[in-house]
Amino acid sequence: MNDNQTRGRALVVLVLAVLVVFASLGLGRFGFTMVLPAMQKGLGLTNTQSGQLQSWNSLGYLLLAVGSGILATRYGPSVVITCALGVVGLAMLATGAFPTFTGACVGRFFSGAGGAAANIPAMALLCAWFTGKRRGLAAGCAVGGSSLGLAATGAAVPWLLQRGGAEGWQHCWYAFGVVTLVICALCAAFLRDRPAPAAIPASADASASRKPVMLRSTVLWRIATAYFAFGFSYSIFATFFVNHLKRDIGLSIAQAGTIWTRIGLASVISGFVWGAFSDRWGRRLALVVIYLCQGSAFLIVGLSHGLGGALFAGFLFACTAWSIPAVISALCGDVFGAKMAPAALGVVTVVFGVGQVLGPAVGGIVADSDPAKEYEESMNKARALSESVRSAEQEA
């Protein structure tokens, strides 16, 4: 395979990776957020039951995070990604076809499990197709699929709900499932594990030949610690920011929702920009700058009482929102090589997931402990910032 063919195949793999993230996270995660109010009404769910649906999804994601990396290392990412997307698509269809709380729980669990088994190998697969000088850029493009999913569901779900009436939420899941299965078919037809052996120089993946035993690697756990801090802190921001705009600043839910949607749309290029930055200036410096920006955003939210501060914090967050997953994915490829990158990324994603689960719970406890001020972001995220910067500085 000549260089032009390799570049063409690499571009195809990158486009498919964007679509995989779009389906597994964009539709699976943001789609649920958009459909939930109508779904809750249609099924007569309590708030507790609605929360349990997301818990089942998170549990499925965590259980398959490590397993998907191990399977991808053994059988190849393309096979695992294709099978996982099939599971996600069928789970979405089942969520609409079986309109009961139990059916929804089962659908959300398998949607989360399949989402992990598709997303993690897809991000790691880019390490095989792009050298260290382009890995960050490629990973940054791929994580943009999440923002595309946010934009797509924000436009499509209201239209589907309006046309579908009482069964509109089921139509949404049918649409998500069909789109996911189409992407699954594209992956089955065009996704490939690795370019020709000579396409990527041996020196570009030399780290694979001298990698430590992965689970005993101190570098792995430093990366995991930094990723935990991101999961812990961003989940608090994402959970309470709209509520902060509504309750503390006095905006209507429509105004707060519009601001949050614009933050999501503005974040599309964040992974692309910071991935390219990390390629040029190094992963460590990129992580330090990103965490400084996000930590500043979180502190501003905690300390500001006005709309201007909240908007500036939202701007800082949008500029860096999906940059950390991109840089972490590229870093795993740099350290552990293309072959072991899926397994390494799976391990650090589990730690990230734990932080993502703990963040809102701890933030809520802190908020409830001080009813006069609901500024949990400042306390928890400042701690996350210092931990992350320290971890990043050690990783030289």
Protein backbone atom coordinates (compact mmCIF):
# COMPACT_ATOMS: atom_id res chain seq x y z
CA MET A 1 0.00 0.00 0.00
CA ASN A 2 1.51 3.35 -1.05
CA ASP A 3 1.49 6.53 1.01
CA ASN A 4 -1.52 8.03 -0.78
CA GLN A 5 -3.56 4.89 -0.19
CA THR A 6 -2.52 4.82 3.46
CA ARG A 7 -3.52 8.45 3.96
CA GLY A 8 -6.85 7.77 2.27
CA ARG A 9 -7.52 4.75 4.48
CA ALA A 10 -6.48 6.72 7.57
CA LEU A 11 -8.98 9.44 6.68
CA VAL A 12 -11.72 6.83 6.30
CA VAL A 13 -10.84 5.38 9.71
CA LEU A 14 -10.93 8.87 11.25
CA VAL A 15 -14.36 9.64 9.78
CA LEU A 16 -15.67 6.31 11.04
CA ALA A 17 -14.20 7.00 14.49
CA VAL A 18 -16.12 10.30 14.59
CA LEU A 19 -19.30 8.43 13.65
CA VAL A 20 -18.66 5.77 16.30
CA VAL A 21 -18.32 8.43 19.02
CA PHE A 22 -21.37 10.19 17.59
CA ALA A 23 -23.48 7.02 17.92
CA SER A 24 -22.10 5.52 21.12
CA LEU A 25 -21.81 8.72 23.16
CA GLY A 26 -23.59 11.47 21.22
CA LEU A 27 -26.85 9.59 20.66
CA GLY A 28 -26.53 7.25 23.63
CA ARG A 29 -25.73 9.96 26.19
CA PHE A 30 -27.06 13.28 24.92
CA GLY A 31 -29.98 11.57 23.22
CA PHE A 32 -31.11 10.16 26.56
CA THR A 33 -30.86 13.59 28.18
CA MET A 34 -33.12 15.09 25.52
CA VAL A 35 -35.65 12.24 25.46
CA LEU A 36 -35.85 11.74 29.24
CA PRO A 37 -38.61 14.30 30.07
CA ALA A 38 -41.01 12.79 27.52
CA MET A 39 -39.91 9.28 28.45
CA GLN A 40 -40.49 10.01 32.13
CA LYS A 41 -43.98 11.26 31.40
CA GLY A 42 -44.83 8.40 29.05
CA LEU A 43 -43.71 5.68 31.46
CA GLY A 44 -44.87 7.48 34.59
CA LEU A 45 -41.39 7.38 36.12
CA THR A 46 -40.43 9.05 39.37
CA ASN A 47 -37.28 11.14 39.59
CA THR A 48 -35.62 8.26 41.44
CA GLN A 49 -36.45 5.83 38.64
CA SER A 50 -35.20 8.31 36.04
CA GLY A 51 -31.91 8.54 37.89
CA GLN A 52 -31.71 4.76 38.04
CA LEU A 53 -31.92 4.58 34.25
CA GLN A 54 -28.75 6.63 33.94
CA SER A 55 -27.12 4.60 36.71
CA TRP A 56 -27.73 1.40 34.73
CA ASN A 57 -26.16 3.04 31.69
CA SER A 58 -23.11 4.14 33.70
CA LEU A 59 -22.78 0.68 35.22
CA GLY A 60 -22.78 -0.93 31.79
CA TYR A 61 -20.14 1.52 30.60
CA LEU A 62 -17.87 0.89 33.57
CA LEU A 63 -18.16 -2.91 33.36
CA LEU A 64 -17.12 -2.95 29.70
CA ALA A 65 -14.49 -0.20 29.87
CA VAL A 66 -11.62 -2.55 30.72
CA GLY A 67 -13.13 -5.58 29.01
CA SER A 68 -13.48 -3.77 25.69
CA GLY A 69 -9.81 -2.82 25.71
CA ILE A 70 -8.76 -6.39 26.43
CA LEU A 71 -11.06 -7.75 23.71
CA ALA A 72 -9.78 -5.18 21.21
CA THR A 73 -6.18 -6.12 22.01
CA ARG A 74 -6.96 -9.80 21.41
CA TYR A 75 -9.43 -9.78 18.51
CA GLY A 76 -8.79 -6.41 16.92
CA PRO A 77 -10.60 -3.09 17.43
CA SER A 78 -12.67 -3.21 14.24
CA VAL A 79 -14.42 -6.47 15.19
CA VAL A 80 -15.15 -5.25 18.72
CA ILE A 81 -16.37 -1.85 17.52
CA THR A 82 -18.71 -3.35 14.94
CA CYS A 83 -20.22 -5.86 17.38
CA ALA A 84 -20.55 -3.22 20.09
CA LEU A 85 -22.37 -0.78 17.80
CA GLY A 86 -24.74 -3.59 16.90
CA VAL A 87 -25.49 -4.05 20.59
CA VAL A 88 -26.02 -0.30 21.06
CA GLY A 89 -28.37 -0.08 18.08
CA LEU A 90 -30.43 -3.07 19.19
CA ALA A 91 -30.56 -1.74 22.77
CA MET A 92 -31.91 1.58 21.50
CA LEU A 93 -34.57 -0.17 19.43
CA ALA A 94 -35.51 -2.33 22.42
CA THR A 95 -35.83 0.74 24.65
CA GLY A 96 -38.52 2.04 22.33
CA ALA A 97 -40.14 -1.33 21.63
CA PHE A 98 -40.59 -2.35 25.28
CA PRO A 99 -42.14 0.69 27.00
CA THR A 100 -41.70 -0.39 30.60
CA PHE A 101 -39.33 0.67 33.34
CA THR A 102 -37.64 -2.74 33.34
CA GLY A 103 -37.27 -2.67 29.57
CA ALA A 104 -35.77 0.80 29.74
CA CYS A 105 -33.28 -0.31 32.41
CA VAL A 106 -32.15 -3.26 30.30
CA GLY A 107 -31.87 -1.06 27.22
CA ARG A 108 -29.86 1.59 29.04
CA PHE A 109 -27.51 -1.02 30.52
CA PHE A 110 -26.66 -2.59 27.17
CA SER A 111 -26.47 0.82 25.52
CA GLY A 112 -23.83 1.83 28.08
CA ALA A 113 -21.95 -1.46 27.79
CA GLY A 114 -21.94 -1.31 24.00
CA GLY A 115 -21.02 2.37 24.10
CA ALA A 116 -17.87 1.61 26.08
CA ALA A 117 -16.97 -1.33 23.84
CA ALA A 118 -17.30 0.89 20.77
CA ASN A 119 -15.92 4.21 21.98
CA ILE A 120 -12.74 3.06 23.74
CA PRO A 121 -11.38 0.82 20.93
CA ALA A 122 -12.32 3.49 18.37
CA MET A 123 -10.24 6.11 20.13
CA ALA A 124 -7.36 3.67 20.60
CA LEU A 125 -7.54 2.53 16.96
CA LEU A 126 -6.39 5.96 15.85
CA CYS A 127 -3.05 5.23 17.51
CA ALA A 128 -2.44 2.54 14.90
CA TRP A 129 -3.25 4.79 11.95
CA PHE A 130 -1.60 8.03 13.05
CA THR A 131 1.92 8.61 14.32
CA GLY A 132 2.69 10.57 17.48
CA LYS A 133 2.85 13.79 15.46
CA ARG A 134 -0.80 13.43 14.43
CA ARG A 135 -2.39 11.33 17.17
CA GLY A 136 -3.61 14.24 19.23
CA LEU A 137 -5.17 15.93 16.21
CA ALA A 138 -6.88 12.71 15.13
CA ALA A 139 -8.19 11.98 18.63
CA GLY A 140 -9.40 15.57 18.90
CA CYS A 141 -11.41 15.19 15.71
CA ALA A 142 -12.93 11.94 16.96
CA VAL A 143 -14.15 13.29 20.29
CA GLY A 144 -16.00 15.98 18.36
CA GLY A 145 -18.54 13.28 17.61
CA SER A 146 -19.98 13.87 21.09
CA SER A 147 -20.70 17.52 20.31
CA LEU A 148 -22.19 16.57 16.95
CA GLY A 149 -24.48 14.21 18.82
CA LEU A 150 -25.53 17.01 21.16
CA ALA A 151 -26.34 19.26 18.21
CA ALA A 152 -28.16 16.51 16.29
CA THR A 153 -30.33 15.41 19.20
CA GLY A 154 -31.08 19.00 20.13
CA ALA A 155 -32.53 19.54 16.66
CA ALA A 156 -34.10 16.13 15.97
CA VAL A 157 -35.68 15.17 19.30
CA PRO A 158 -38.15 18.10 19.59
CA TRP A 159 -39.28 17.46 16.00
CA LEU A 160 -39.75 13.73 16.60
CA LEU A 161 -41.58 14.34 19.87
CA GLN A 162 -43.93 16.80 18.23
CA ARG A 163 -44.78 14.48 15.36
CA GLY A 164 -45.01 11.33 17.48
CA GLY A 165 -47.35 12.60 20.15
CA ALA A 166 -47.54 10.36 23.22
CA GLU A 167 -45.32 7.78 21.51
CA GLY A 168 -42.80 10.36 20.32
CA TRP A 169 -40.14 9.27 22.79
CA GLN A 170 -40.31 5.74 21.35
CA HIS A 171 -39.87 7.12 17.85
CA CYS A 172 -36.73 8.90 19.06
CA TRP A 173 -35.20 5.62 20.22
CA TYR A 174 -36.16 3.94 16.95
CA ALA A 175 -34.43 6.73 15.03
CA PHE A 176 -31.31 6.53 17.22
CA GLY A 177 -31.21 2.76 16.79
CA VAL A 178 -31.52 2.85 13.01
CA VAL A 179 -28.80 5.50 12.67
CA THR A 180 -26.50 3.50 14.96
CA LEU A 181 -27.05 0.29 12.97
CA VAL A 182 -26.27 2.14 9.73
CA ILE A 183 -22.98 3.32 11.26
CA CYS A 184 -22.39 -0.26 12.43
CA ALA A 185 -22.77 -1.47 8.83
CA LEU A 186 -20.32 1.18 7.60
CA CYS A 187 -17.77 0.05 10.18
CA ALA A 188 -18.22 -3.59 9.16
CA ALA A 189 -17.57 -2.65 5.54
CA PHE A 190 -14.76 -0.12 5.80
CA LEU A 191 -13.08 -0.13 9.24
CA ARG A 192 -9.62 -1.72 9.37
CA ASP A 193 -7.35 -2.40 12.33
CA ARG A 194 -3.93 -1.36 11.06
CA PRO A 195 -2.26 0.03 7.94
CA ALA A 196 0.37 -1.97 6.10
CA PRO A 197 3.38 -2.74 8.34
CA ALA A 198 5.59 -0.23 6.54
CA ALA A 199 3.02 2.55 6.63
CA ILE A 200 3.93 3.69 10.14
CA PRO A 201 7.64 3.60 10.90
CA ALA A 202 8.74 1.32 13.67
CA SER A 203 10.18 4.28 15.53
CA ALA A 204 6.72 5.84 15.70
CA ASP A 205 5.48 2.96 17.82
CA ALA A 206 8.75 2.09 19.50
CA SER A 207 7.21 2.57 22.90
CA ALA A 208 5.30 -0.67 22.40
CA SER A 209 8.52 -2.69 22.38
CA ARG A 210 9.77 -1.29 25.64
CA LYS A 211 6.49 -0.77 27.50
CA PRO A 212 6.40 -1.82 31.17
CA VAL A 213 3.96 -4.36 32.50
CA MET A 214 0.91 -2.21 32.04
CA LEU A 215 -0.92 -2.49 35.33
CA ARG A 216 2.32 -1.98 37.29
CA SER A 217 3.24 1.11 35.32
CA THR A 218 3.38 4.25 37.45
CA VAL A 219 2.79 6.29 34.31
CA LEU A 220 -0.52 4.50 33.73
CA TRP A 221 -1.76 5.42 37.19
CA ARG A 222 -0.58 9.02 36.84
CA ILE A 223 -2.60 9.26 33.65
CA ALA A 224 -5.54 7.62 35.42
CA THR A 225 -5.30 10.11 38.30
CA ALA A 226 -5.40 13.05 35.92
CA TYR A 227 -8.36 11.49 34.09
CA PHE A 228 -10.16 10.86 37.40
CA ALA A 229 -9.80 14.55 38.25
CA PHE A 230 -11.42 15.49 34.94
CA GLY A 231 -14.31 13.06 35.44
CA PHE A 232 -14.85 14.22 39.01
CA SER A 233 -14.80 17.93 38.24
CA TYR A 234 -16.48 18.24 34.85
CA SER A 235 -19.41 16.07 35.98
CA ILE A 236 -20.14 18.52 38.80
CA PHE A 237 -20.05 21.43 36.37
CA ALA A 238 -22.24 19.62 33.84
CA THR A 239 -24.74 18.58 36.51
CA PHE A 240 -25.15 21.86 38.36
CA PHE A 241 -24.29 24.63 35.87
CA VAL A 242 -27.80 24.99 34.42
CA ASN A 243 -29.25 24.87 37.92
CA HIS A 244 -26.76 27.56 38.97
CA LEU A 245 -27.93 29.79 36.12
CA LYS A 246 -31.56 29.24 37.05
CA ARG A 247 -31.51 29.37 40.85
CA ASP A 248 -28.55 31.60 41.68
CA ILE A 249 -28.59 34.02 38.74
CA GLY A 250 -32.33 34.01 38.05
CA LEU A 251 -32.52 32.92 34.42
CA SER A 252 -35.47 30.99 33.07
CA ILE A 253 -34.99 27.35 32.20
CA ALA A 254 -35.25 28.26 28.51
CA GLN A 255 -32.51 30.89 28.82
CA ALA A 256 -30.27 28.56 30.82
CA GLY A 257 -30.88 25.76 28.32
CA THR A 258 -29.95 28.01 25.42
CA ILE A 259 -26.65 28.95 27.08
CA TRP A 260 -25.85 25.29 27.78
CA THR A 261 -26.65 24.29 24.19
CA ARG A 262 -24.37 27.01 22.85
CA ILE A 263 -21.60 25.83 25.14
CA GLY A 264 -22.03 22.35 23.69
CA LEU A 265 -21.92 23.59 20.11
CA ALA A 266 -18.91 25.81 20.78
CA SER A 267 -17.07 22.85 22.28
CA VAL A 268 -17.05 20.93 18.97
CA ILE A 269 -13.58 22.17 18.02
CA SER A 270 -12.02 21.93 21.49
CA GLY A 271 -10.63 18.42 21.01
CA PHE A 272 -9.32 19.31 17.56
CA VAL A 273 -7.51 22.44 18.77
CA TRP A 274 -5.96 20.94 21.90
CA GLY A 275 -5.15 17.66 20.22
CA ALA A 276 -3.12 19.59 17.65
CA PHE A 277 -1.57 21.66 20.44
CA SER A 278 -0.44 18.50 22.21
CA ASP A 279 1.11 17.19 18.98
CA ARG A 280 3.13 20.38 18.64
CA TRP A 281 4.01 21.25 22.24
CA GLY A 282 3.69 17.95 24.08
CA ARG A 283 0.98 16.13 26.03
CA ARG A 284 2.20 17.30 29.45
CA LEU A 285 2.08 21.01 28.65
CA ALA A 286 -1.29 20.58 26.95
CA LEU A 287 -2.78 18.91 30.03
CA VAL A 288 -1.38 21.58 32.37
CA VAL A 289 -2.83 24.43 30.29
CA ILE A 290 -6.17 22.67 29.84
CA TYR A 291 -6.55 22.00 33.55
CA LEU A 292 -5.64 25.59 34.36
CA CYS A 293 -8.37 26.81 31.99
CA GLN A 294 -10.97 24.41 33.35
CA GLY A 295 -9.99 25.02 36.96
CA SER A 296 -10.33 28.76 36.37
CA ALA A 297 -13.78 28.23 34.85
CA PHE A 298 -14.91 26.19 37.84
CA LEU A 299 -13.56 28.72 40.35
CA ILE A 300 -15.29 31.57 38.51
CA VAL A 301 -18.62 29.75 38.71
CA GLY A 302 -18.09 29.18 42.42
CA LEU A 303 -17.07 32.75 43.22
CA SER A 304 -19.15 34.78 40.77
CA HIS A 305 -22.68 35.96 41.51
CA GLY A 306 -23.37 37.49 38.10
CA LEU A 307 -24.25 36.40 34.60
CA GLY A 308 -21.01 37.79 33.16
CA GLY A 309 -18.89 35.50 35.29
CA ALA A 310 -21.03 32.49 34.45
CA LEU A 311 -20.81 33.24 30.73
CA PHE A 312 -17.03 33.63 30.90
CA ALA A 313 -16.76 30.37 32.81
CA GLY A 314 -18.92 28.69 30.18
CA PHE A 315 -16.65 30.09 27.47
CA LEU A 316 -13.52 28.70 29.16
CA PHE A 317 -15.18 25.32 29.60
CA ALA A 318 -16.34 25.23 25.97
CA CYS A 319 -12.81 25.99 24.78
CA THR A 320 -11.46 22.91 26.55
CA ALA A 321 -14.49 20.63 27.09
CA TRP A 322 -13.51 17.54 25.08
CA SER A 323 -9.79 18.19 24.92
CA ILE A 324 -8.77 15.95 27.81
CA PRO A 325 -10.20 12.69 26.37
CA ALA A 326 -8.37 13.47 23.12
CA VAL A 327 -5.02 14.14 24.79
CA ILE A 328 -5.38 11.16 27.15
CA SER A 329 -6.11 8.85 24.20
CA ALA A 330 -3.06 10.09 22.31
CA LEU A 331 -0.93 9.81 25.45
CA CYS A 332 -1.92 6.16 25.95
CA GLY A 333 -0.84 5.48 22.38
CA ASP A 334 2.47 7.27 22.91
CA VAL A 335 3.29 5.40 26.12
CA PHE A 336 1.93 1.92 25.47
CA GLY A 337 1.93 1.68 21.69
CA ALA A 338 -0.89 0.95 19.28
CA LYS A 339 -1.24 -2.70 20.32
CA MET A 340 -1.76 -2.06 24.05
CA ALA A 341 -3.43 1.35 23.76
CA PRO A 342 -7.00 -0.07 23.91
CA ALA A 343 -6.28 -1.92 27.16
CA ALA A 344 -4.52 1.08 28.71
CA LEU A 345 -7.29 3.44 27.67
CA GLY A 346 -9.82 1.02 29.12
CA VAL A 347 -8.12 1.04 32.52
CA VAL A 348 -7.86 4.82 32.76
CA THR A 349 -11.45 5.17 31.53
CA VAL A 350 -12.67 3.04 34.44
CA VAL A 351 -10.91 5.40 36.86
CA PHE A 352 -12.37 8.36 34.95
CA GLY A 353 -15.81 6.77 35.25
CA VAL A 354 -15.47 6.42 39.01
CA GLY A 355 -14.70 10.13 39.23
CA GLN A 356 -17.66 10.88 36.99
CA VAL A 357 -19.97 8.96 39.31
CA LEU A 358 -18.55 10.43 42.54
CA GLY A 359 -18.43 14.05 41.39
CA PRO A 360 -22.15 14.92 41.33
CA ALA A 361 -22.78 12.93 44.52
CA VAL A 362 -20.06 14.78 46.44
CA GLY A 363 -21.07 18.09 44.89
CA GLY A 364 -24.66 17.57 45.96
CA ILE A 365 -23.62 16.73 49.53
CA VAL A 366 -21.49 19.88 49.72
CA ALA A 367 -24.35 21.97 48.32
CA ASP A 368 -26.83 20.55 50.81
CA SER A 369 -24.42 21.16 53.68
CA ASP A 370 -24.45 24.91 52.91
CA PRO A 371 -27.96 25.90 51.82
CA ALA A 372 -27.04 29.57 51.60
CA LYS A 373 -24.55 28.98 48.80
CA GLU A 374 -24.65 26.34 46.11
CA TYR A 375 -21.11 26.87 44.93
CA GLU A 376 -19.82 23.32 45.20
CA GLU A 377 -17.88 23.76 41.96
CA SER A 378 -15.32 26.03 43.57
CA MET A 379 -14.36 23.67 46.39
CA ASN A 380 -14.33 20.36 44.56
CA LYS A 381 -12.86 21.56 41.31
CA ALA A 382 -10.05 23.54 42.88
CA ARG A 383 -8.97 20.30 44.52
CA ALA A 384 -9.27 18.49 41.19
CA LEU A 385 -7.21 21.20 39.50
CA SER A 386 -4.29 20.97 41.91
CA GLU A 387 -4.31 17.16 41.76
CA SER A 388 -4.34 17.16 37.97
CA VAL A 389 -1.57 19.70 37.55
CA ARG A 390 0.59 17.81 40.02
CA SER A 391 0.02 14.53 38.17
CA ALA A 392 0.73 16.11 34.81
CA GLU A 393 3.96 17.69 36.04
CA GLN A 394 5.20 14.35 37.33
CA GLU A 395 4.64 12.71 33.96
CA ALA A 396 7.84 13.81 32.24
